[in-house]
Amino acid sequence: MANVNHSALSDPYLHEPKGASTATSGEVYIADGAGSGAWTQNHRHVGGHLTFSTGSPYAHSTTTTDTVINPTFTLVDNNGFSGLSSPNARIQYDGTEDISAALTGTFSIQQASGTSRQVELVFYKNGVALAGSRVIATAVSGEWHQITVAFNTTLSTNDYIEVFTKADAVATINYASGYLRITGVPS
């Protein structure tokens, strides 16, 4: 039998890639287009929520410039992320592979008292606003309204996501609930 390098084999003679026996559960082989590749997690995901409360909601002193929403988040169904509380509430990506990530944040808001306010939410990545992710809704005293912000970005190890807010005038905006979800696949 002739000596043939694996890299010279044609498709019908190929078999499991190198490392298949040591790949961990949930990993997939990602080809690099040069006859090689690596084993990596097939996806990453996390959810973070505020504890629901209409009687004692998270109250945020909102100004006319972006300020970070800083409630206590509880992480659920986590694969590759950390919830941080210092210097403020954020979700940090801890995985080693770069991912293409879908971000979704949904919050129930109301104006604590006084005149209705136009409230904006925006995602920040590593302290910089993600252009195109800003949304707006009306916060009314005595009424709960839902506001959702969604965006796609890439994440590398130690990148972090925060949600910032501002309003058309200074106000206290109550948050009865909130959920921040990040899902990603290798990029």
Protein backbone atom coordinates (compact mmCIF):
# COMPACT_ATOMS: atom_id res chain seq x y z
CA MET A 1 0.00 0.00 0.00
CA ALA A 2 1.32 3.44 -0.92
CA ASN A 3 2.17 5.99 1.74
CA VAL A 4 -0.39 8.81 1.48
CA ASN A 5 -0.59 11.85 3.76
CA HIS A 6 -3.99 12.49 5.31
CA SER A 7 -3.96 16.00 3.86
CA ALA A 8 -3.89 14.45 0.38
CA LEU A 9 -6.92 12.20 0.90
CA SER A 10 -10.06 13.03 -1.07
CA ASP A 11 -13.47 13.36 0.58
CA PRO A 12 -14.74 9.75 0.41
CA TYR A 13 -11.62 8.59 2.32
CA LEU A 14 -11.75 11.17 5.10
CA HIS A 15 -12.78 10.23 8.64
CA GLU A 16 -13.12 11.92 12.02
CA PRO A 17 -10.69 14.85 12.40
CA LYS A 18 -7.69 14.63 14.70
CA GLY A 19 -8.57 15.08 18.32
CA ALA A 20 -12.07 13.60 18.09
CA SER A 21 -11.29 11.16 20.88
CA THR A 22 -10.29 13.99 23.26
CA ALA A 23 -12.89 16.61 22.27
CA THR A 24 -15.18 17.53 25.17
CA SER A 25 -18.94 17.31 25.10
CA GLY A 26 -20.49 20.23 23.23
CA GLU A 27 -17.45 20.92 21.07
CA VAL A 28 -17.52 20.93 17.28
CA TYR A 29 -14.72 20.87 14.76
CA ILE A 30 -14.29 24.16 12.92
CA ALA A 31 -12.27 23.87 9.70
CA ASP A 32 -9.87 26.68 8.86
CA GLY A 33 -10.02 26.21 5.07
CA ALA A 34 -6.38 25.05 4.93
CA GLY A 35 -6.97 21.36 5.64
CA SER A 36 -6.88 21.80 9.41
CA GLY A 37 -9.01 23.23 12.20
CA ALA A 38 -9.75 23.17 15.90
CA TRP A 39 -12.29 21.87 18.41
CA THR A 40 -14.36 24.61 20.01
CA GLN A 41 -17.62 25.07 21.92
CA ASN A 42 -20.57 24.91 19.53
CA HIS A 43 -22.30 27.82 21.29
CA ARG A 44 -22.24 30.08 24.34
CA HIS A 45 -25.21 31.51 26.21
CA VAL A 46 -26.28 33.30 29.37
CA GLY A 47 -29.35 34.94 30.82
CA GLY A 48 -29.40 37.52 33.58
CA HIS A 49 -32.55 38.76 35.28
CA LEU A 50 -33.73 41.29 37.86
CA THR A 51 -35.97 39.87 40.53
CA PHE A 52 -39.55 40.79 39.61
CA SER A 53 -41.13 43.39 41.90
CA THR A 54 -43.77 46.03 41.26
CA GLY A 55 -43.95 46.89 44.97
CA SER A 56 -40.22 47.49 45.39
CA PRO A 57 -38.76 47.89 41.87
CA TYR A 58 -35.19 48.83 41.02
CA ALA A 59 -35.27 52.67 40.89
CA HIS A 60 -32.73 54.32 38.59
CA SER A 61 -31.91 58.03 38.80
CA THR A 62 -32.00 58.76 35.08
CA THR A 63 -30.38 61.86 33.59
CA THR A 64 -30.20 63.33 30.10
CA THR A 65 -26.87 61.56 29.45
CA ASP A 66 -26.20 57.83 29.34
CA THR A 67 -25.80 56.18 32.76
CA VAL A 68 -25.37 52.48 33.39
CA ILE A 69 -28.34 50.53 34.74
CA ASN A 70 -26.92 48.98 37.89
CA PRO A 71 -29.33 46.46 39.42
CA THR A 72 -28.45 43.09 40.88
CA PHE A 73 -28.59 40.50 38.08
CA THR A 74 -29.07 36.80 38.76
CA LEU A 75 -27.45 34.62 36.08
CA VAL A 76 -29.30 31.57 34.78
CA ASP A 77 -28.44 28.90 32.19
CA ASN A 78 -24.83 30.08 31.90
CA ASN A 79 -22.19 28.69 29.53
CA GLY A 80 -19.09 30.90 29.23
CA PHE A 81 -19.98 34.14 31.04
CA SER A 82 -19.63 35.86 34.43
CA GLY A 83 -22.00 38.27 36.11
CA LEU A 84 -20.03 41.17 37.60
CA SER A 85 -21.19 43.81 40.04
CA SER A 86 -18.07 45.98 40.26
CA PRO A 87 -17.79 48.70 39.18
CA ASN A 88 -21.40 48.08 38.09
CA ALA A 89 -23.75 45.42 36.70
CA ARG A 90 -22.31 43.79 33.59
CA ILE A 91 -22.01 40.43 31.93
CA GLN A 92 -18.50 39.42 30.92
CA TYR A 93 -17.61 36.85 28.28
CA ASP A 94 -15.13 34.27 29.64
CA GLY A 95 -14.91 31.83 26.73
CA THR A 96 -11.63 31.49 24.84
CA GLU A 97 -13.03 31.45 21.30
CA ASP A 98 -14.35 34.59 19.59
CA ILE A 99 -18.12 34.44 19.08
CA SER A 100 -20.76 36.17 17.00
CA ALA A 101 -23.26 37.15 19.69
CA ALA A 102 -26.93 38.13 19.70
CA LEU A 103 -27.87 40.45 22.59
CA THR A 104 -31.43 40.95 23.84
CA GLY A 105 -32.56 43.00 26.82
CA THR A 106 -36.21 43.37 27.85
CA PHE A 107 -37.32 45.61 30.74
CA SER A 108 -40.63 46.65 32.35
CA ILE A 109 -40.42 50.38 33.14
CA GLN A 110 -42.52 53.17 34.61
CA GLN A 111 -41.95 56.78 35.61
CA ALA A 112 -41.81 56.87 39.44
CA SER A 113 -43.89 60.08 39.56
CA GLY A 114 -44.56 63.18 37.54
CA THR A 115 -44.61 63.87 33.84
CA SER A 116 -44.10 61.08 31.31
CA ARG A 117 -40.53 60.72 30.07
CA GLN A 118 -38.99 59.45 26.85
CA VAL A 119 -36.55 56.77 28.05
CA GLU A 120 -33.75 55.38 25.90
CA LEU A 121 -31.78 52.16 26.37
CA VAL A 122 -28.55 51.26 24.59
CA PHE A 123 -26.03 48.42 24.80
CA TYR A 124 -22.44 49.24 25.70
CA LYS A 125 -19.54 46.89 24.94
CA ASN A 126 -16.34 47.49 26.91
CA GLY A 127 -17.53 50.98 27.89
CA VAL A 128 -18.48 52.11 24.37
CA ALA A 129 -22.04 52.47 23.03
CA LEU A 130 -22.91 49.98 20.29
CA ALA A 131 -24.09 52.33 17.52
CA GLY A 132 -27.44 51.15 16.19
CA SER A 133 -28.61 49.49 19.41
CA ARG A 134 -30.41 52.51 20.93
CA VAL A 135 -34.20 52.26 21.43
CA ILE A 136 -36.80 54.57 23.01
CA ALA A 137 -40.11 54.17 24.88
CA THR A 138 -42.38 56.31 27.00
CA ALA A 139 -42.27 55.85 30.79
CA VAL A 140 -45.58 56.91 32.36
CA SER A 141 -46.34 57.40 36.05
CA GLY A 142 -48.57 54.57 37.30
CA GLU A 143 -48.30 52.48 34.10
CA TRP A 144 -45.87 49.72 33.23
CA HIS A 145 -44.46 49.62 29.70
CA GLN A 146 -42.05 47.19 28.10
CA ILE A 147 -38.89 48.24 26.28
CA THR A 148 -36.67 45.83 24.35
CA VAL A 149 -33.20 46.41 22.97
CA ALA A 150 -31.55 43.90 20.62
CA PHE A 151 -28.28 43.88 18.70
CA ASN A 152 -25.58 41.65 17.19
CA THR A 153 -21.86 41.99 17.91
CA THR A 154 -18.72 39.91 18.32
CA LEU A 155 -17.25 39.01 21.69
CA SER A 156 -13.71 38.01 22.67
CA THR A 157 -12.41 36.86 26.05
CA ASN A 158 -13.09 39.48 28.80
CA ASP A 159 -15.39 41.64 26.64
CA TYR A 160 -18.36 42.85 28.68
CA ILE A 161 -21.87 44.07 27.98
CA GLU A 162 -23.80 46.70 29.96
CA VAL A 163 -27.15 48.43 29.45
CA PHE A 164 -27.19 52.23 29.69
CA THR A 165 -30.16 54.58 29.83
CA LYS A 166 -31.07 58.24 29.53
CA ALA A 167 -34.27 60.27 29.35
CA ASP A 168 -35.48 63.57 27.89
CA ALA A 169 -35.38 65.05 31.42
CA VAL A 170 -34.11 64.00 34.86
CA ALA A 171 -36.42 61.37 36.37
CA THR A 172 -36.53 58.28 38.54
CA ILE A 173 -37.39 55.33 36.32
CA ASN A 174 -38.61 52.14 38.00
CA TYR A 175 -37.69 48.72 36.64
CA ALA A 176 -40.11 45.98 37.79
CA SER A 177 -38.26 43.33 35.83
CA GLY A 178 -35.55 42.86 33.28
CA TYR A 179 -33.86 40.09 31.36
CA LEU A 180 -30.58 40.27 29.46
CA ARG A 181 -29.76 37.33 27.15
CA ILE A 182 -26.58 36.71 25.18
CA THR A 183 -26.22 33.80 22.78
CA GLY A 184 -23.26 33.21 20.51
CA VAL A 185 -21.62 30.83 18.08
CA PRO A 186 -17.95 30.62 17.05
CA SER A 187 -17.05 33.31 14.54
